[in-house]
Amino acid sequence: MTTRGVTIGQAAAFAGVTIKTVRHYHQHGLLDEPHRDSSGYRRYGSADLLRLIQVRTLAAAGVPLAEIGSLLDADTERFAAALTDVEQRLTDRIADLIARRDTLRQLADGDRLLLPDRALAVLDRLTELGFDPEYVASKREALVLARALAPEFLDLFLTQLEHRLDDPEFVDLTKRAWDARSWDPHDPRIDELASALADNLLAHHEHLAVPAGLRSQSDDVIRYGLINHHREDQAPTWTRLNALVEAELRSAGVPIPYQ
């Protein structure tokens, strides 16, 4: 190195950083602005290069820029204590990142992070019964909503669904309801299908229990509606079909919440 020093570009290249990084260090007061030569160019000497390398090394090790200045100016004992503190924070951050990575892996493994094994078994049962994959996906979404919005009622919902899937007539009617999504909402077949669904549900009245907390106008009622009417906005026919079924159930004394 000459006695005149080097340019900012050369200093950055020697230290393994960019010119922008060097200027960033200047802005944070971590590196003094060097003197300019007769041509007005900044010239970095060996002391400047040493400081730049020290700052770069600590920054790369995870030390916040706001702490690097005081760290470099500290005595040996304070320097060691500060590094220990930074190391602990990095260890905590690593543990957090590992936990996030594990969460992503669980998500990649399907719904095991979002749903309990019992709910996953119900979804598998739907597939085994030949339901359309898109229907299974909609049920998966509804169960995820149920677990998040009304976890205290999830077991009840699963119990009701498990019993209904053992009924071939209910399975057939549900498949027909899914196929009806493309029908005109006022197709007379919607009324017939709604009556058949309501009759089937009423034939197994013991599986129509509605949690007491959902029988009044409350946040619970709103959550119930979000779960049980999920995806209705994608098919007006479903909106009318579900409204007709719920109306018949209410007429029979089932306390279905009003939305």
Protein backbone atom coordinates (compact mmCIF):
# COMPACT_ATOMS: atom_id res chain seq x y z
CA MET A 1 0.00 0.00 0.00
CA THR A 2 1.36 3.44 -0.78
CA THR A 3 1.61 6.22 1.77
CA ARG A 4 -1.13 8.04 -0.05
CA GLY A 5 -3.60 5.29 0.78
CA VAL A 6 -6.30 3.79 -1.41
CA THR A 7 -9.61 4.90 -2.85
CA ILE A 8 -12.94 3.88 -1.38
CA GLY A 9 -13.38 1.35 -4.18
CA GLN A 10 -10.05 -0.25 -3.43
CA ALA A 11 -10.70 -0.22 0.32
CA ALA A 12 -14.08 -1.91 -0.21
CA ALA A 13 -12.51 -4.55 -2.49
CA PHE A 14 -9.68 -5.28 -0.06
CA ALA A 15 -12.12 -5.63 2.86
CA GLY A 16 -14.58 -7.76 0.90
CA VAL A 17 -17.52 -5.34 1.05
CA THR A 18 -19.23 -2.95 -1.32
CA ILE A 19 -18.69 0.78 -1.61
CA LYS A 20 -22.28 1.21 -0.41
CA THR A 21 -21.43 -0.75 2.73
CA VAL A 22 -18.39 1.42 3.45
CA ARG A 23 -20.54 4.54 3.13
CA HIS A 24 -23.14 2.91 5.37
CA TYR A 25 -20.49 2.40 8.04
CA HIS A 26 -19.52 6.06 7.70
CA GLN A 27 -23.16 7.10 8.22
CA HIS A 28 -23.36 5.04 11.41
CA GLY A 29 -20.16 6.54 12.75
CA LEU A 30 -18.35 3.21 12.71
CA LEU A 31 -15.65 4.39 10.33
CA ASP A 32 -14.18 7.87 10.32
CA GLU A 33 -14.19 9.79 7.07
CA PRO A 34 -10.57 9.72 5.78
CA HIS A 35 -8.73 12.80 4.64
CA ARG A 36 -9.00 13.84 1.02
CA ASP A 37 -6.00 14.19 -1.24
CA SER A 38 -5.22 17.24 -3.36
CA SER A 39 -7.62 15.98 -6.02
CA GLY A 40 -10.49 15.79 -3.52
CA TYR A 41 -10.57 12.00 -3.31
CA ARG A 42 -10.79 10.21 0.03
CA ARG A 43 -7.75 8.10 0.76
CA TYR A 44 -7.94 5.15 3.16
CA GLY A 45 -4.79 4.30 5.08
CA SER A 46 -3.87 1.08 6.86
CA ALA A 47 -5.59 2.14 10.11
CA ASP A 48 -8.79 2.82 8.16
CA LEU A 49 -8.55 -0.59 6.51
CA LEU A 50 -8.02 -2.28 9.88
CA ARG A 51 -11.09 -0.58 11.34
CA LEU A 52 -13.14 -1.45 8.24
CA ILE A 53 -12.16 -5.11 8.50
CA GLN A 54 -13.02 -5.17 12.23
CA VAL A 55 -16.44 -3.62 11.62
CA ARG A 56 -17.14 -5.97 8.72
CA THR A 57 -16.14 -9.02 10.78
CA LEU A 58 -18.35 -8.11 13.76
CA ALA A 59 -21.29 -7.23 11.49
CA ALA A 60 -20.95 -10.55 9.67
CA ALA A 61 -20.92 -12.33 13.03
CA GLY A 62 -24.32 -10.87 13.85
CA VAL A 63 -23.37 -7.96 16.08
CA PRO A 64 -25.89 -5.10 15.54
CA LEU A 65 -24.31 -2.04 13.94
CA ALA A 66 -25.52 0.10 16.83
CA GLU A 67 -23.29 -1.92 19.19
CA ILE A 68 -20.16 -2.32 17.09
CA GLY A 69 -18.68 1.10 17.85
CA SER A 70 -18.76 0.74 21.62
CA LEU A 71 -17.59 -2.86 21.31
CA LEU A 72 -14.48 -1.90 19.35
CA ASP A 73 -13.71 0.84 21.84
CA ALA A 74 -14.16 -1.45 24.88
CA ASP A 75 -11.38 -2.96 26.96
CA THR A 76 -10.65 -6.70 26.79
CA GLU A 77 -13.01 -7.67 29.62
CA ARG A 78 -15.96 -5.65 28.32
CA PHE A 79 -15.30 -6.89 24.81
CA ALA A 80 -15.46 -10.54 25.92
CA ALA A 81 -18.66 -9.94 27.94
CA ALA A 82 -20.29 -8.18 25.01
CA LEU A 83 -19.41 -11.00 22.66
CA THR A 84 -20.92 -13.51 25.10
CA ASP A 85 -24.14 -11.50 25.11
CA VAL A 86 -24.22 -11.36 21.30
CA GLU A 87 -23.54 -15.09 21.14
CA GLN A 88 -26.53 -15.80 23.40
CA ARG A 89 -28.80 -13.65 21.27
CA LEU A 90 -27.61 -15.43 18.16
CA THR A 91 -28.24 -18.80 19.84
CA ASP A 92 -31.80 -17.71 20.68
CA ARG A 93 -32.32 -16.52 17.13
CA ILE A 94 -31.03 -19.81 15.75
CA ALA A 95 -33.45 -21.72 18.00
CA ASP A 96 -36.30 -19.54 16.72
CA LEU A 97 -35.29 -20.09 13.09
CA ILE A 98 -35.07 -23.85 13.65
CA ALA A 99 -38.58 -23.81 15.13
CA ARG A 100 -39.85 -21.87 12.09
CA ARG A 101 -38.12 -24.32 9.75
CA ASP A 102 -39.77 -27.25 11.56
CA THR A 103 -43.13 -25.51 11.22
CA LEU A 104 -42.60 -25.14 7.47
CA ARG A 105 -41.68 -28.81 7.22
CA GLN A 106 -44.90 -29.74 9.01
CA LEU A 107 -46.88 -27.59 6.61
CA ALA A 108 -45.15 -29.26 3.68
CA ASP A 109 -46.20 -32.59 5.15
CA GLY A 110 -49.84 -31.71 4.63
CA ASP A 111 -52.27 -30.65 7.33
CA ARG A 112 -50.68 -32.28 10.35
CA LEU A 113 -49.81 -28.91 11.80
CA LEU A 114 -53.30 -27.52 11.24
CA LEU A 115 -55.49 -30.49 12.17
CA PRO A 116 -55.47 -33.32 14.73
CA ASP A 117 -55.19 -36.94 13.62
CA ARG A 118 -58.92 -37.49 14.15
CA ALA A 119 -59.80 -34.75 11.66
CA LEU A 120 -57.28 -36.11 9.17
CA ALA A 121 -58.91 -39.54 9.49
CA VAL A 122 -62.28 -37.99 8.60
CA LEU A 123 -60.76 -36.38 5.51
CA ASP A 124 -59.24 -39.72 4.51
CA ARG A 125 -62.68 -41.29 4.94
CA LEU A 126 -64.18 -38.72 2.56
CA THR A 127 -61.61 -39.64 -0.05
CA GLU A 128 -62.27 -43.35 0.45
CA LEU A 129 -66.00 -42.73 -0.07
CA GLY A 130 -65.29 -41.20 -3.46
CA PHE A 131 -65.99 -37.54 -2.73
CA ASP A 132 -64.68 -35.02 -5.23
CA PRO A 133 -61.17 -33.83 -4.23
CA GLU A 134 -62.40 -30.24 -4.27
CA TYR A 135 -65.17 -31.16 -1.82
CA VAL A 136 -62.59 -32.79 0.44
CA ALA A 137 -60.52 -29.62 0.21
CA SER A 138 -63.51 -27.51 1.24
CA LYS A 139 -64.13 -29.78 4.24
CA ARG A 140 -60.46 -29.53 5.16
CA GLU A 141 -60.73 -25.76 5.14
CA ALA A 142 -63.89 -25.86 7.25
CA LEU A 143 -62.21 -28.10 9.82
CA VAL A 144 -59.20 -25.80 9.97
CA LEU A 145 -61.60 -22.91 10.60
CA ALA A 146 -63.43 -24.95 13.23
CA ARG A 147 -60.25 -25.75 15.07
CA ALA A 148 -59.12 -22.11 15.01
CA LEU A 149 -62.47 -20.37 15.63
CA ALA A 150 -64.32 -22.87 17.83
CA PRO A 151 -61.81 -25.41 19.19
CA GLU A 152 -64.10 -26.33 22.08
CA PHE A 153 -66.69 -27.61 19.61
CA LEU A 154 -64.36 -29.41 17.18
CA ASP A 155 -64.83 -32.84 18.77
CA LEU A 156 -68.62 -32.47 18.54
CA PHE A 157 -68.41 -31.50 14.85
CA LEU A 158 -66.13 -34.46 14.14
CA THR A 159 -68.42 -36.87 16.00
CA GLN A 160 -71.42 -35.72 13.97
CA LEU A 161 -69.51 -35.99 10.71
CA GLU A 162 -68.16 -39.44 11.56
CA HIS A 163 -71.67 -40.78 12.21
CA ARG A 164 -73.07 -39.21 9.05
CA LEU A 165 -70.38 -40.72 6.88
CA ASP A 166 -71.54 -44.15 8.06
CA ASP A 167 -74.93 -43.44 6.48
CA PRO A 168 -74.93 -44.29 2.73
CA GLU A 169 -78.02 -42.15 2.13
CA PHE A 170 -76.36 -39.07 3.67
CA VAL A 171 -73.23 -39.69 1.61
CA ASP A 172 -75.28 -39.90 -1.58
CA LEU A 173 -77.29 -36.76 -0.77
CA THR A 174 -74.12 -34.83 0.06
CA LYS A 175 -72.53 -35.80 -3.24
CA ARG A 176 -75.69 -34.66 -5.01
CA ALA A 177 -75.55 -31.36 -3.15
CA TRP A 178 -71.96 -30.90 -4.27
CA ASP A 179 -72.91 -31.61 -7.89
CA ALA A 180 -75.78 -29.12 -7.57
CA ARG A 181 -73.38 -26.19 -7.22
CA SER A 182 -73.70 -25.52 -10.94
CA TRP A 183 -77.51 -25.53 -10.91
CA ASP A 184 -79.63 -22.42 -11.08
CA PRO A 185 -80.47 -21.38 -7.49
CA HIS A 186 -84.17 -21.51 -8.29
CA ASP A 187 -84.08 -24.96 -9.89
CA PRO A 188 -87.00 -26.89 -8.33
CA ARG A 189 -84.64 -29.78 -7.72
CA ILE A 190 -82.98 -27.63 -5.02
CA ASP A 191 -86.18 -27.70 -2.94
CA GLU A 192 -86.44 -31.48 -3.33
CA LEU A 193 -82.79 -31.98 -2.38
CA ALA A 194 -83.14 -29.69 0.65
CA SER A 195 -86.15 -31.65 1.90
CA ALA A 196 -84.34 -34.94 1.43
CA LEU A 197 -81.29 -33.67 3.31
CA ALA A 198 -83.39 -32.29 6.16
CA ASP A 199 -85.36 -35.55 6.44
CA ASN A 200 -82.13 -37.53 6.56
CA LEU A 201 -80.68 -35.33 9.28
CA LEU A 202 -83.88 -35.42 11.33
CA ALA A 203 -83.96 -39.20 11.11
CA HIS A 204 -80.80 -39.12 13.21
CA HIS A 205 -81.85 -36.39 15.61
CA GLU A 206 -79.30 -37.48 18.19
CA HIS A 207 -76.54 -36.21 15.91
CA LEU A 208 -78.04 -32.76 15.49
CA ALA A 209 -76.94 -31.37 18.83
CA VAL A 210 -76.02 -27.69 18.67
CA PRO A 211 -73.70 -26.43 21.43
CA ALA A 212 -75.60 -24.31 23.91
CA GLY A 213 -73.16 -21.44 23.49
CA LEU A 214 -74.16 -21.13 19.85
CA ARG A 215 -77.85 -20.58 20.46
CA SER A 216 -77.67 -16.87 21.20
CA GLN A 217 -76.60 -13.89 19.16
CA SER A 218 -72.91 -13.72 20.03
CA ASP A 219 -69.44 -14.06 18.58
CA ASP A 220 -69.92 -17.81 18.82
CA VAL A 221 -72.84 -17.59 16.43
CA ILE A 222 -70.71 -15.63 13.97
CA ARG A 223 -67.94 -18.23 14.20
CA TYR A 224 -70.50 -21.01 13.68
CA GLY A 225 -71.71 -19.30 10.52
CA LEU A 226 -68.21 -18.81 9.15
CA ILE A 227 -67.52 -22.51 9.59
CA ASN A 228 -70.82 -24.00 8.42
CA HIS A 229 -71.31 -21.63 5.51
CA HIS A 230 -67.74 -21.73 4.27
CA ARG A 231 -67.46 -21.35 0.47
CA GLU A 232 -71.17 -20.55 0.08
CA ASP A 233 -70.22 -17.32 -1.65
CA GLN A 234 -68.72 -19.36 -4.48
CA ALA A 235 -72.07 -20.89 -5.44
CA PRO A 236 -75.44 -19.13 -4.90
CA THR A 237 -77.10 -22.52 -5.15
CA TRP A 238 -75.42 -23.66 -1.94
CA THR A 239 -76.60 -20.54 -0.16
CA ARG A 240 -80.21 -21.29 -1.03
CA LEU A 241 -79.85 -25.03 -0.40
CA ASN A 242 -78.37 -24.53 3.06
CA ALA A 243 -80.95 -21.87 3.92
CA LEU A 244 -83.78 -24.27 2.99
CA VAL A 245 -82.26 -27.13 5.00
CA GLU A 246 -81.73 -24.93 8.06
CA ALA A 247 -85.29 -23.60 7.80
CA GLU A 248 -86.71 -27.13 7.84
CA LEU A 249 -84.53 -28.10 10.79
CA ARG A 250 -85.65 -25.05 12.76
CA SER A 251 -89.27 -25.90 11.99
CA ALA A 252 -88.63 -29.31 13.49
CA GLY A 253 -87.28 -27.74 16.66
CA VAL A 254 -83.55 -27.93 16.01
CA PRO A 255 -81.99 -24.70 17.43
CA ILE A 256 -79.96 -23.75 14.37
CA PRO A 257 -78.49 -20.26 14.94
CA TYR A 258 -79.70 -17.45 12.68
CA GLN A 259 -76.92 -15.66 10.85
